Amino acid sequence: MKKLLYLVLSAFVISCGGNQTKQPESKIEQSNIYEVNIRQYTQEGTLKAFEDKHLERLKAQNVDILWLMPIFPISQEGRKGTLGSYYAVKNYEEVNPEFGTMEDLQRLVNHAHHLGMKVILDWVLL
């Protein structure tokens, strides 16, 4: 019985995979994603400094999507060390003041969009 089940499953797997044509990759599958840690990326550690000094250079290097590590304020509760973890988010509706303001983030996103880039934010699912 085991051999029969094995033969049936093998025939099924072979028949399912043999005639399929490969679908063309979508634009997102061909995109270059670049992760940015704002705190360490520039000497200033700000959104503005990143935008001013690196955004156009990254576009010239064919970066299509910027993936910003968490840019939200960091909770003080249970903090280990002085900096805290990006992933201990205090408020998802604000920008960490160390990095700048909501206006700085919006300007960065608008500039990236103007260059044809997308921006995604890293966040922790509650």
Protein backbone atom coordinates (compact mmCIF):
# COMPACT_ATOMS: atom_id res chain seq x y z
CA MET A 1 0.00 0.00 0.00
CA LYS A 2 2.87 2.36 0.83
CA LYS A 3 4.44 1.77 -2.58
CA LEU A 4 1.14 2.51 -4.35
CA LEU A 5 0.69 5.74 -2.41
CA TYR A 6 4.27 6.73 -3.23
CA LEU A 7 3.71 6.06 -6.94
CA VAL A 8 0.47 8.05 -7.01
CA LEU A 9 2.06 11.00 -5.20
CA SER A 10 5.10 10.91 -7.48
CA ALA A 11 2.93 10.90 -10.59
CA PHE A 12 0.90 13.81 -9.21
CA VAL A 13 4.00 15.89 -8.46
CA ILE A 14 5.48 15.20 -11.89
CA SER A 15 2.23 16.04 -13.69
CA CYS A 16 1.75 19.28 -11.74
CA GLY A 17 5.18 20.66 -12.48
CA GLY A 18 5.90 19.49 -15.97
CA ASN A 19 3.78 21.76 -18.16
CA GLN A 20 3.97 25.08 -16.34
CA THR A 21 5.52 28.04 -18.07
CA LYS A 22 7.50 30.48 -15.99
CA GLN A 23 5.64 33.71 -15.36
CA PRO A 24 7.60 36.92 -15.97
CA GLU A 25 8.94 38.51 -12.82
CA SER A 26 7.08 41.54 -11.54
CA LYS A 27 8.83 44.89 -11.15
CA ILE A 28 9.02 44.39 -7.38
CA GLU A 29 10.88 41.09 -7.86
CA GLN A 30 13.46 42.90 -9.98
CA SER A 31 13.85 45.84 -7.57
CA ASN A 32 16.91 46.65 -5.51
CA ILE A 33 16.00 47.17 -1.86
CA TYR A 34 18.41 49.07 0.38
CA GLU A 35 18.02 49.02 4.18
CA VAL A 36 18.87 52.24 6.00
CA ASN A 37 19.68 52.61 9.68
CA ILE A 38 19.22 56.36 10.09
CA ARG A 39 21.00 56.49 13.47
CA GLN A 40 24.26 55.16 12.03
CA TYR A 41 24.03 56.11 8.36
CA THR A 42 25.28 59.67 8.69
CA GLN A 43 27.42 61.42 11.25
CA GLU A 44 24.38 63.52 12.24
CA GLY A 45 22.09 60.49 12.41
CA THR A 46 19.13 62.39 10.95
CA LEU A 47 16.61 61.97 8.15
CA LYS A 48 17.63 65.34 6.70
CA ALA A 49 21.32 64.46 6.59
CA PHE A 50 20.50 61.15 4.92
CA GLU A 51 18.31 62.86 2.31
CA ASP A 52 20.80 65.64 1.61
CA LYS A 53 23.92 63.49 1.40
CA HIS A 54 22.85 60.05 0.16
CA LEU A 55 19.43 59.84 -1.50
CA GLU A 56 20.47 60.83 -5.01
CA ARG A 57 23.68 58.79 -4.78
CA LEU A 58 21.66 55.68 -3.90
CA LYS A 59 19.28 56.31 -6.80
CA ALA A 60 22.30 56.59 -9.11
CA GLN A 61 23.35 53.16 -7.81
CA ASN A 62 19.99 51.75 -8.96
CA VAL A 63 18.34 51.51 -5.56
CA ASP A 64 14.59 51.26 -6.16
CA ILE A 65 13.25 50.85 -2.62
CA LEU A 66 14.49 52.34 0.64
CA TRP A 67 13.73 50.22 3.67
CA LEU A 68 13.99 52.44 6.74
CA MET A 69 14.67 50.66 10.01
CA PRO A 70 12.21 51.84 12.68
CA ILE A 71 12.15 55.64 12.85
CA PHE A 72 9.62 55.83 15.70
CA PRO A 73 10.30 57.10 19.24
CA ILE A 74 11.91 54.45 21.43
CA SER A 75 10.21 53.45 24.68
CA GLN A 76 11.97 54.19 27.95
CA GLU A 77 10.25 51.27 29.70
CA GLY A 78 12.55 48.26 30.20
CA ARG A 79 15.34 49.97 28.25
CA LYS A 80 18.73 48.28 28.33
CA GLY A 81 21.56 50.72 27.79
CA THR A 82 21.26 54.36 26.82
CA LEU A 83 20.10 54.05 23.20
CA GLY A 84 17.39 51.43 23.49
CA SER A 85 16.09 49.20 20.72
CA TYR A 86 14.44 50.54 17.58
CA TYR A 87 11.94 47.73 17.96
CA ALA A 88 10.73 48.92 21.40
CA VAL A 89 8.36 51.43 19.85
CA LYS A 90 6.72 54.05 22.04
CA ASN A 91 4.42 55.59 19.41
CA TYR A 92 3.87 54.58 15.78
CA GLU A 93 2.43 57.98 14.87
CA GLU A 94 5.56 60.02 15.61
CA VAL A 95 9.15 60.26 14.42
CA ASN A 96 11.98 59.76 16.90
CA PRO A 97 13.09 63.34 17.65
CA GLU A 98 16.73 62.19 17.43
CA PHE A 99 16.12 61.58 13.72
CA GLY A 100 14.13 64.74 12.99
CA THR A 101 10.49 65.63 12.56
CA MET A 102 7.47 64.26 10.73
CA GLU A 103 8.10 67.03 8.17
CA ASP A 104 11.67 65.72 7.65
CA LEU A 105 10.27 62.23 7.02
CA GLN A 106 7.65 63.57 4.61
CA ARG A 107 10.29 65.59 2.72
CA LEU A 108 12.51 62.49 2.45
CA VAL A 109 9.61 60.37 1.17
CA ASN A 110 8.54 63.06 -1.32
CA HIS A 111 12.12 63.40 -2.60
CA ALA A 112 12.45 59.62 -2.94
CA HIS A 113 9.14 59.44 -4.83
CA HIS A 114 10.28 62.27 -7.11
CA LEU A 115 13.35 60.15 -7.94
CA GLY A 116 11.09 57.17 -8.67
CA MET A 117 11.96 55.32 -5.48
CA LYS A 118 9.61 53.70 -2.98
CA VAL A 119 9.98 53.88 0.80
CA ILE A 120 8.96 51.20 3.28
CA LEU A 121 9.11 51.42 7.06
CA ASP A 122 10.21 48.59 9.29
CA TRP A 123 7.88 48.11 12.25
CA VAL A 124 6.91 45.63 14.93
CA LEU A 125 3.56 43.95 14.73
CA LEU A 126 1.85 44.29 18.09
